[in-house]
């Protein structure tokens, strides 16, 4: 873990140094700000690096882990995999527009359900702002309380441990119930809820749709019981080996 942290910090420092050099080269730093990193370069080094680490982990690794887990669940549930692929095939082409994406609520539900069962973050931390008690346990003001997401979202009231994308659809089955999405703990909650939630969901949905369109029969190389969750910066599958066949669409 410590080696990984050092490598990540070194990578971030290199990105920051490169961007600063870029700005100095271009008209002595008087260049138009082009992205979020440019707007954060005025921060002190520690805060700047901290934000960049967050972007790298939260913006890429979490999505990769979610897609990996989703393919795992689709390999365990061929009927759900077939249904999701049929929705993608009904488009008749690769996703090109927002309108295309809006026609694939079931595929997005597969991502949402994966996040419910295997959120890439392990904990949500909150500070208690008043003395209280939960189930008879006294919690003094100022106590940091950790919510175990892998336990909170697989309770029977949340759907248990069964992979069921349909639970995210409205009663008519044609659109996603946005009230459920808003309360999705995988993205946190309140004013500090993940600002990239919508982008992450759409990005993962697009990637999954492309995989389903171009590959068939996603299944395990080995026994599914070999797959275990492993916590590093995020929580992803270990020993996951999948086999799939290219389709010629």
Protein backbone atom coordinates (compact mmCIF):
# COMPACT_ATOMS: atom_id res chain seq x y z
CA UNK A 1 0.00 0.00 0.00
CA UNK A 2 2.76 2.47 0.98
CA UNK A 3 4.66 1.74 -2.23
CA UNK A 4 1.49 2.38 -4.24
CA UNK A 5 0.91 5.70 -2.46
CA UNK A 6 4.46 6.84 -3.21
CA UNK A 7 4.11 5.92 -6.89
CA UNK A 8 0.78 7.73 -7.14
CA UNK A 9 2.17 10.86 -5.45
CA UNK A 10 5.18 10.81 -7.77
CA UNK A 11 2.91 10.50 -10.80
CA UNK A 12 0.81 13.45 -9.62
CA UNK A 13 3.91 15.58 -9.00
CA UNK A 14 5.09 14.84 -12.55
CA UNK A 15 1.72 15.84 -14.01
CA UNK A 16 1.71 19.09 -12.02
CA UNK A 17 5.31 19.95 -12.97
CA UNK A 18 4.57 19.25 -16.62
CA UNK A 19 1.50 21.50 -16.59
CA UNK A 20 3.37 24.34 -14.86
CA UNK A 21 6.17 24.09 -17.43
CA UNK A 22 3.56 24.13 -20.19
CA UNK A 23 2.09 27.36 -18.86
CA UNK A 24 5.47 29.04 -18.46
CA UNK A 25 6.47 28.13 -22.00
CA UNK A 26 3.25 29.54 -23.43
CA UNK A 27 3.57 33.32 -23.19
CA UNK A 28 5.19 33.24 -19.74
CA UNK A 29 2.23 31.58 -18.13
CA UNK A 30 -0.39 33.92 -19.59
CA UNK A 31 -2.48 31.25 -21.28
CA UNK A 32 -6.17 30.55 -21.29
CA UNK A 33 -7.22 28.08 -18.62
CA UNK A 34 -8.39 24.98 -20.41
CA UNK A 35 -9.41 22.44 -17.80
CA UNK A 36 -9.93 21.85 -14.09
CA UNK A 37 -6.24 21.27 -13.37
CA UNK A 38 -5.37 24.71 -14.78
CA UNK A 39 -7.89 26.27 -12.43
CA UNK A 40 -6.34 24.53 -9.40
CA UNK A 41 -2.68 25.39 -10.01
CA UNK A 42 -2.90 28.31 -7.56
CA UNK A 43 -3.45 25.90 -4.63
CA UNK A 44 -0.62 25.01 -2.27
CA UNK A 45 1.32 21.87 -3.34
CA UNK A 46 -0.26 19.56 -0.78
CA UNK A 47 -3.84 20.55 -1.64
CA UNK A 48 -3.12 20.45 -5.37
CA UNK A 49 -1.66 16.96 -5.16
CA UNK A 50 -4.53 15.80 -2.97
CA UNK A 51 -7.10 16.97 -5.51
CA UNK A 52 -5.23 15.36 -8.39
CA UNK A 53 -5.01 12.04 -6.53
CA UNK A 54 -8.77 12.23 -6.03
CA UNK A 55 -9.34 12.87 -9.75
CA UNK A 56 -7.17 9.92 -10.77
CA UNK A 57 -8.65 7.43 -8.34
CA UNK A 58 -12.27 8.57 -8.36
CA UNK A 59 -12.37 9.23 -12.09
CA UNK A 60 -10.82 6.10 -13.55
CA UNK A 61 -10.12 3.27 -11.13
CA UNK A 62 -13.63 3.28 -9.69
CA UNK A 63 -15.19 3.03 -13.15
CA UNK A 64 -12.82 0.23 -14.17
CA UNK A 65 -13.63 -1.74 -11.01
CA UNK A 66 -17.37 -1.25 -11.52
CA UNK A 67 -17.25 -2.52 -15.11
CA UNK A 68 -15.16 -5.52 -14.02
CA UNK A 69 -17.67 -6.44 -11.32
CA UNK A 70 -20.56 -5.92 -13.74
CA UNK A 71 -19.05 -8.33 -16.28
CA UNK A 72 -18.60 -10.81 -13.44
CA UNK A 73 -22.30 -10.62 -12.53
CA UNK A 74 -23.36 -10.84 -16.18
CA UNK A 75 -21.26 -14.00 -16.54
CA UNK A 76 -23.13 -15.46 -13.55
CA UNK A 77 -26.52 -14.48 -15.00
CA UNK A 78 -26.63 -15.36 -18.73
CA UNK A 79 -30.32 -14.42 -19.02
CA UNK A 80 -29.59 -10.88 -17.79
CA UNK A 81 -26.57 -10.69 -20.09
CA UNK A 82 -28.73 -11.74 -23.06
CA UNK A 83 -31.42 -9.20 -22.19
CA UNK A 84 -28.89 -6.36 -21.90
CA UNK A 85 -27.26 -7.36 -25.20
CA UNK A 86 -30.65 -7.47 -26.92
CA UNK A 87 -31.31 -3.89 -25.80
CA UNK A 88 -27.97 -2.80 -27.29
CA UNK A 89 -28.53 -4.74 -30.52
CA UNK A 90 -31.92 -3.07 -30.94
CA UNK A 91 -30.08 0.20 -31.60
CA UNK A 92 -28.51 -1.35 -34.70
CA UNK A 93 -25.23 0.57 -34.30
CA UNK A 94 -22.64 1.71 -31.75
CA UNK A 95 -23.73 4.45 -29.39
CA UNK A 96 -23.29 7.80 -31.11
CA UNK A 97 -25.60 10.26 -29.39
CA UNK A 98 -27.23 11.05 -26.07
CA UNK A 99 -30.49 9.86 -27.62
CA UNK A 100 -28.92 6.43 -28.18
CA UNK A 101 -27.80 6.30 -24.56
CA UNK A 102 -31.28 7.23 -23.37
CA UNK A 103 -32.62 4.11 -25.09
CA UNK A 104 -30.54 1.86 -22.85
CA UNK A 105 -31.93 2.26 -19.32
CA UNK A 106 -31.64 -1.48 -18.68
CA UNK A 107 -27.90 -1.42 -19.40
CA UNK A 108 -27.48 1.49 -16.99
CA UNK A 109 -29.50 -0.47 -14.43
CA UNK A 110 -26.89 -3.23 -14.69
CA UNK A 111 -24.27 -0.67 -13.65
CA UNK A 112 -26.43 0.68 -10.81
CA UNK A 113 -27.07 -2.81 -9.49
CA UNK A 114 -23.36 -3.61 -9.64
CA UNK A 115 -22.63 -0.48 -7.60
CA UNK A 116 -25.20 -1.59 -5.04
CA UNK A 117 -23.59 -4.99 -4.59
CA UNK A 118 -19.94 -4.00 -5.04
CA UNK A 119 -19.39 -0.28 -4.44
CA UNK A 120 -15.78 0.64 -5.25
CA UNK A 121 -15.51 2.62 -2.01
CA UNK A 122 -15.56 0.67 1.24
CA UNK A 123 -16.62 3.35 3.70
CA UNK A 124 -18.54 6.57 4.13
CA UNK A 125 -17.21 8.64 7.02
CA UNK A 126 -19.38 11.11 8.92
CA UNK A 127 -18.79 13.15 12.06
CA UNK A 128 -21.56 13.08 14.64
CA UNK A 129 -22.71 16.68 15.27
CA UNK A 130 -24.71 15.93 18.44
CA UNK A 131 -24.82 13.30 21.17
CA UNK A 132 -27.03 10.45 20.02
CA UNK A 133 -27.50 6.69 20.24
CA UNK A 134 -28.03 3.91 17.71
CA UNK A 135 -29.41 0.52 18.73
CA UNK A 136 -28.61 1.37 22.35
CA UNK A 137 -25.02 2.40 21.64
CA UNK A 138 -24.15 5.92 22.77
CA UNK A 139 -22.35 8.03 20.17
CA UNK A 140 -20.89 11.27 21.57
CA UNK A 141 -20.76 14.47 19.54
CA UNK A 142 -17.58 14.61 17.44
CA UNK A 143 -17.34 10.85 16.94
CA UNK A 144 -16.38 9.77 13.42
CA UNK A 145 -18.86 7.14 12.25
CA UNK A 146 -17.96 4.77 9.40
CA UNK A 147 -20.74 3.32 7.25
CA UNK A 148 -19.78 -0.02 5.71
CA UNK A 149 -21.26 0.31 2.22
CA UNK A 150 -20.96 -3.39 1.40
CA UNK A 151 -23.22 -4.14 4.34
CA UNK A 152 -25.61 -1.20 4.09
CA UNK A 153 -26.68 -1.82 0.49
CA UNK A 154 -27.13 -5.59 0.60
CA UNK A 155 -29.65 -5.57 3.42
CA UNK A 156 -32.90 -7.38 2.62
CA UNK A 157 -34.69 -4.03 2.46
CA UNK A 158 -32.27 -2.96 -0.29
CA UNK A 159 -32.64 -6.12 -2.38
CA UNK A 160 -30.28 -8.54 -0.67
CA UNK A 161 -27.37 -10.10 -2.54
CA UNK A 162 -29.29 -11.11 -5.68
CA UNK A 163 -28.24 -9.34 -8.90
CA UNK A 164 -31.46 -7.79 -10.20
CA UNK A 165 -31.12 -4.74 -12.51
CA UNK A 166 -34.92 -4.48 -12.83
CA UNK A 167 -35.19 -3.11 -9.30
CA UNK A 168 -33.92 0.26 -10.59
CA UNK A 169 -36.70 0.67 -13.15
CA UNK A 170 -39.97 2.52 -12.63
CA UNK A 171 -43.15 0.47 -12.33
CA UNK A 172 -43.77 0.68 -16.08
CA UNK A 173 -40.31 -0.81 -16.68
CA UNK A 174 -39.30 1.73 -19.33
CA UNK A 175 -37.19 4.25 -17.40
CA UNK A 176 -34.90 4.50 -14.38
CA UNK A 177 -36.39 5.51 -11.04
CA UNK A 178 -34.34 8.63 -10.35
CA UNK A 179 -35.40 8.74 -6.71
CA UNK A 180 -33.48 5.49 -6.19
CA UNK A 181 -30.44 6.86 -8.02
CA UNK A 182 -30.39 10.00 -5.86
CA UNK A 183 -30.26 7.85 -2.73
CA UNK A 184 -27.52 5.54 -4.06
CA UNK A 185 -24.96 5.32 -1.25
CA UNK A 186 -22.15 4.31 -3.61
CA UNK A 187 -21.79 8.01 -4.49
CA UNK A 188 -22.09 9.32 -0.96
CA UNK A 189 -24.84 11.73 0.00
CA UNK A 190 -25.72 15.29 0.86
CA UNK A 191 -23.68 18.34 -0.24
CA UNK A 192 -20.51 16.22 -0.50
CA UNK A 193 -22.02 13.64 -2.80
CA UNK A 194 -19.70 12.64 -5.65
CA UNK A 195 -19.82 15.48 -8.24
CA UNK A 196 -18.94 13.01 -10.99
CA UNK A 197 -21.89 10.68 -10.35
CA UNK A 198 -23.75 11.36 -13.59
CA UNK A 199 -20.64 11.26 -15.74
CA UNK A 200 -19.45 8.02 -14.11
CA UNK A 201 -22.79 6.30 -14.70
CA UNK A 202 -22.95 7.38 -18.34
CA UNK A 203 -19.30 6.50 -18.99
CA UNK A 204 -19.68 3.01 -17.51
CA UNK A 205 -22.95 2.46 -19.40
CA UNK A 206 -21.35 3.40 -22.72
CA UNK A 207 -18.37 1.09 -22.16
CA UNK A 208 -20.61 -1.80 -21.08
CA UNK A 209 -22.87 -1.28 -24.11
CA UNK A 210 -19.86 -1.38 -26.45
CA UNK A 211 -18.59 -4.59 -24.84
CA UNK A 212 -22.01 -6.23 -25.17
CA UNK A 213 -22.31 -5.15 -28.81
CA UNK A 214 -18.89 -6.39 -29.86
CA UNK A 215 -18.44 -9.46 -27.67
CA UNK A 216 -20.62 -12.50 -27.01
CA UNK A 217 -20.91 -15.21 -24.36
CA UNK A 218 -19.10 -13.54 -21.50
CA UNK A 219 -18.25 -16.34 -19.11
CA UNK A 220 -15.68 -17.51 -16.57
CA UNK A 221 -12.43 -19.25 -17.40
CA UNK A 222 -12.43 -20.75 -13.92
CA UNK A 223 -14.89 -21.34 -11.10
CA UNK A 224 -16.75 -18.15 -10.05
CA UNK A 225 -15.96 -19.03 -6.45
CA UNK A 226 -12.30 -18.14 -7.15
CA UNK A 227 -13.24 -14.47 -7.46
CA UNK A 228 -12.73 -12.42 -4.32
CA UNK A 229 -12.97 -8.74 -3.56
CA UNK A 230 -9.67 -7.02 -2.84
CA UNK A 231 -9.33 -3.61 -1.19
CA UNK A 232 -6.54 -1.28 -2.33
CA UNK A 233 -7.40 2.32 -3.12
CA UNK A 234 -10.72 0.92 -4.34
CA UNK A 235 -12.53 -2.40 -3.98
CA UNK A 236 -12.20 -4.59 -7.04
CA UNK A 237 -12.34 -8.26 -8.07
CA UNK A 238 -9.30 -10.48 -7.67
CA UNK A 239 -8.71 -13.64 -9.76
CA UNK A 240 -11.35 -12.54 -12.28
CA UNK A 241 -10.66 -14.18 -15.65
CA UNK A 242 -13.37 -13.92 -18.28
CA UNK A 243 -13.72 -15.40 -21.74
CA UNK A 244 -15.70 -13.74 -24.51
CA UNK A 245 -15.99 -14.07 -28.26
CA UNK A 246 -15.76 -11.21 -30.71
CA UNK A 247 -18.90 -10.49 -32.68
CA UNK A 248 -18.80 -9.06 -36.18
CA UNK A 249 -21.58 -6.49 -36.17
